[in-house]
Amino acid sequence: MEVKEVMTGEAASCTPETSLAAAAMIMWERDCGVLPVVDDARKVVGVITDRDICMAAAMRPRPASEISVGEVISGAVHACAPADDVHEALRAMRQEKVHRLPVIGPEGELQGIISLNDMILEAKADGGKQKPELSYADVVETYKAVCEHRTPPQGQAQQSATTA
């Protein structure tokens, strides 16, 4: 099964110039927790999550309406292509510990988004003679990996504890 069969094709997005307040409003209106960040050519240059917005607003001494998305995003883009197998997308989600991936075309342009929600809604029970193309177990294993707590590199935890 290919990503394009499961993805949300009309994904909401924003630009680096969008304010955090405006990005949060888009998320509220579109009932989503992530926005791909695109440039003028609709090329994906990053993503911003609802958590990114909350943390940035809490840690900066300015209103969310005065903080741009571009100030917050890392610029790292973990994505997949429409023709990728869904299991490749699940592997990328596990490896990068993300719930969603922008789906990008050959020139880096946004074509949609795929989430663990999309996957679980498409998954089938594992049973019977024929294994489903996408099983509940496939998605649950990815969800477990994504939810696993990250541990700081050795020594960094001690340094943080001594400087606090």
Protein backbone atom coordinates (compact mmCIF):
# COMPACT_ATOMS: atom_id res chain seq x y z
CA MET A 1 0.00 0.00 0.00
CA GLU A 2 1.37 3.40 -0.96
CA VAL A 3 1.38 6.55 1.16
CA LYS A 4 -0.86 8.34 -1.37
CA GLU A 5 -3.64 5.83 -0.63
CA VAL A 6 -3.72 6.79 3.06
CA MET A 7 -2.47 10.40 3.29
CA THR A 8 -4.51 13.55 3.72
CA GLY A 9 -4.10 15.29 0.39
CA GLU A 10 -5.34 18.76 1.27
CA ALA A 11 -3.01 19.44 4.18
CA ALA A 12 -3.13 22.83 5.85
CA SER A 13 0.19 24.69 5.89
CA CYS A 14 1.77 28.00 6.84
CA THR A 15 4.86 30.02 5.92
CA PRO A 16 7.89 30.97 8.01
CA GLU A 17 6.41 34.50 8.27
CA THR A 18 3.13 33.24 9.81
CA SER A 19 2.79 34.19 13.48
CA LEU A 20 2.46 31.48 16.11
CA ALA A 21 -1.01 32.83 16.94
CA ALA A 22 -2.10 32.53 13.30
CA ALA A 23 -0.59 29.03 13.02
CA ALA A 24 -2.49 27.97 16.15
CA MET A 25 -5.71 29.34 14.64
CA ILE A 26 -5.15 27.34 11.45
CA MET A 27 -4.65 24.20 13.57
CA TRP A 28 -7.83 24.96 15.51
CA GLU A 29 -9.89 25.56 12.37
CA ARG A 30 -8.50 22.49 10.54
CA ASP A 31 -8.50 20.23 13.64
CA CYS A 32 -4.86 19.28 13.28
CA GLY A 33 -1.77 19.36 15.48
CA VAL A 34 0.92 20.04 12.89
CA LEU A 35 1.46 22.32 9.94
CA PRO A 36 4.04 21.85 7.23
CA VAL A 37 5.89 25.14 6.75
CA VAL A 38 6.26 26.03 3.08
CA ASP A 39 8.03 28.72 1.08
CA ASP A 40 6.54 30.66 -1.85
CA ALA A 41 7.01 27.67 -4.18
CA ARG A 42 5.15 25.39 -1.67
CA LYS A 43 8.45 23.63 -0.92
CA VAL A 44 8.45 22.22 2.61
CA VAL A 45 11.07 23.98 4.74
CA GLY A 46 9.98 22.62 8.13
CA VAL A 47 7.04 21.68 10.31
CA ILE A 48 5.52 23.21 13.41
CA THR A 49 3.45 21.34 15.98
CA ASP A 50 0.97 22.54 18.56
CA ARG A 51 3.56 21.62 21.19
CA ASP A 52 6.21 23.74 19.43
CA ILE A 53 3.82 26.69 19.57
CA CYS A 54 3.05 26.22 23.26
CA MET A 55 6.70 25.86 24.26
CA ALA A 56 7.84 28.82 22.15
CA ALA A 57 5.07 31.06 23.48
CA ALA A 58 5.87 30.08 27.07
CA MET A 59 9.60 30.59 26.72
CA ARG A 60 9.70 33.90 24.87
CA PRO A 61 8.81 37.24 26.47
CA ARG A 62 6.60 38.28 23.52
CA PRO A 63 3.01 37.57 22.53
CA ALA A 64 2.44 34.64 20.16
CA SER A 65 1.15 37.13 17.59
CA GLU A 66 4.66 38.67 17.47
CA ILE A 67 6.65 35.43 17.13
CA SER A 68 7.05 34.00 13.64
CA VAL A 69 6.97 30.32 12.82
CA GLY A 70 10.39 30.76 11.20
CA GLU A 71 11.86 31.67 14.60
CA VAL A 72 10.70 28.37 16.06
CA ILE A 73 11.17 25.65 13.45
CA SER A 74 14.42 23.74 13.24
CA GLY A 75 14.41 23.47 9.47
CA ALA A 76 14.87 19.70 9.66
CA VAL A 77 12.28 18.00 7.47
CA HIS A 78 11.47 14.33 7.87
CA ALA A 79 9.15 13.46 5.01
CA CYS A 80 8.05 10.78 2.60
CA ALA A 81 6.89 10.60 -1.00
CA PRO A 82 3.41 9.68 -2.27
CA ALA A 83 4.69 6.47 -3.89
CA ASP A 84 6.54 5.27 -0.77
CA ASP A 85 5.23 2.12 0.86
CA VAL A 86 3.36 2.87 4.10
CA HIS A 87 5.84 0.64 5.95
CA GLU A 88 8.67 2.97 4.86
CA ALA A 89 6.70 5.89 6.31
CA LEU A 90 6.18 3.96 9.56
CA ARG A 91 9.93 3.24 9.75
CA ALA A 92 10.69 6.96 9.31
CA MET A 93 8.18 7.83 12.04
CA ARG A 94 9.78 5.30 14.42
CA GLN A 95 13.29 6.48 13.64
CA GLU A 96 12.51 10.20 13.96
CA LYS A 97 9.93 9.77 16.75
CA VAL A 98 7.25 11.76 14.94
CA HIS A 99 3.50 11.20 14.62
CA ARG A 100 3.22 12.76 11.17
CA LEU A 101 5.22 13.22 7.99
CA PRO A 102 4.73 15.75 5.22
CA VAL A 103 4.30 14.04 1.88
CA ILE A 104 6.43 15.81 -0.69
CA GLY A 105 6.82 15.63 -4.45
CA PRO A 106 10.07 15.35 -6.41
CA GLU A 107 10.81 19.08 -6.12
CA GLY A 108 10.12 19.16 -2.36
CA GLU A 109 6.62 20.59 -2.82
CA LEU A 110 3.89 19.75 -0.32
CA GLN A 111 1.44 17.15 -1.59
CA GLY A 112 -0.17 16.10 1.68
CA ILE A 113 0.51 14.72 5.12
CA ILE A 114 0.36 11.25 6.61
CA SER A 115 -0.19 10.59 10.29
CA LEU A 116 -0.40 7.67 12.65
CA ASN A 117 -4.12 8.52 12.83
CA ASP A 118 -4.42 8.00 9.06
CA MET A 119 -2.59 4.69 9.38
CA ILE A 120 -4.64 3.29 12.26
CA LEU A 121 -7.87 4.15 10.47
CA GLU A 122 -6.65 2.21 7.42
CA ALA A 123 -5.16 -0.74 9.36
CA LYS A 124 -6.88 -4.10 9.61
CA ALA A 125 -6.82 -6.83 12.24
CA ASP A 126 -4.11 -9.43 11.83
CA GLY A 127 -5.84 -12.78 11.49
CA GLY A 128 -6.97 -15.36 9.06
CA LYS A 129 -4.96 -16.73 6.18
CA GLN A 130 -4.11 -13.45 4.46
CA LYS A 131 -2.04 -10.83 6.29
CA PRO A 132 -3.42 -7.32 5.78
CA GLU A 133 -1.29 -4.79 3.87
CA LEU A 134 -1.29 -2.61 6.99
CA SER A 135 -1.99 -4.27 10.33
CA TYR A 136 -2.87 -2.84 13.73
CA ALA A 137 0.39 -4.35 14.98
CA ASP A 138 2.41 -2.37 12.40
CA VAL A 139 0.91 0.90 13.62
CA VAL A 140 1.02 0.07 17.34
CA GLU A 141 4.72 -0.84 17.16
CA THR A 142 5.41 2.53 15.54
CA TYR A 143 3.29 4.35 18.13
CA LYS A 144 5.19 2.64 20.94
CA ALA A 145 8.53 3.69 19.43
CA VAL A 146 7.36 7.28 18.92
CA CYS A 147 6.08 7.51 22.51
CA GLU A 148 9.21 6.05 24.08
CA HIS A 149 10.89 8.62 26.33
CA ARG A 150 14.02 10.12 24.93
CA THR A 151 17.04 9.87 27.17
CA PRO A 152 19.62 12.65 27.15
CA PRO A 153 23.14 11.69 26.02
CA GLN A 154 25.39 10.34 28.80
CA GLY A 155 26.76 13.19 30.89
CA GLN A 156 24.19 15.73 29.71
CA ALA A 157 21.70 14.59 32.37
CA GLN A 158 24.34 15.02 35.08
CA GLN A 159 25.29 18.45 33.74
CA SER A 160 21.65 19.57 33.73
CA ALA A 161 21.18 18.32 37.29
CA THR A 162 24.27 20.14 38.59
CA THR A 163 23.41 23.45 36.89
CA ALA A 164 19.81 23.50 38.09
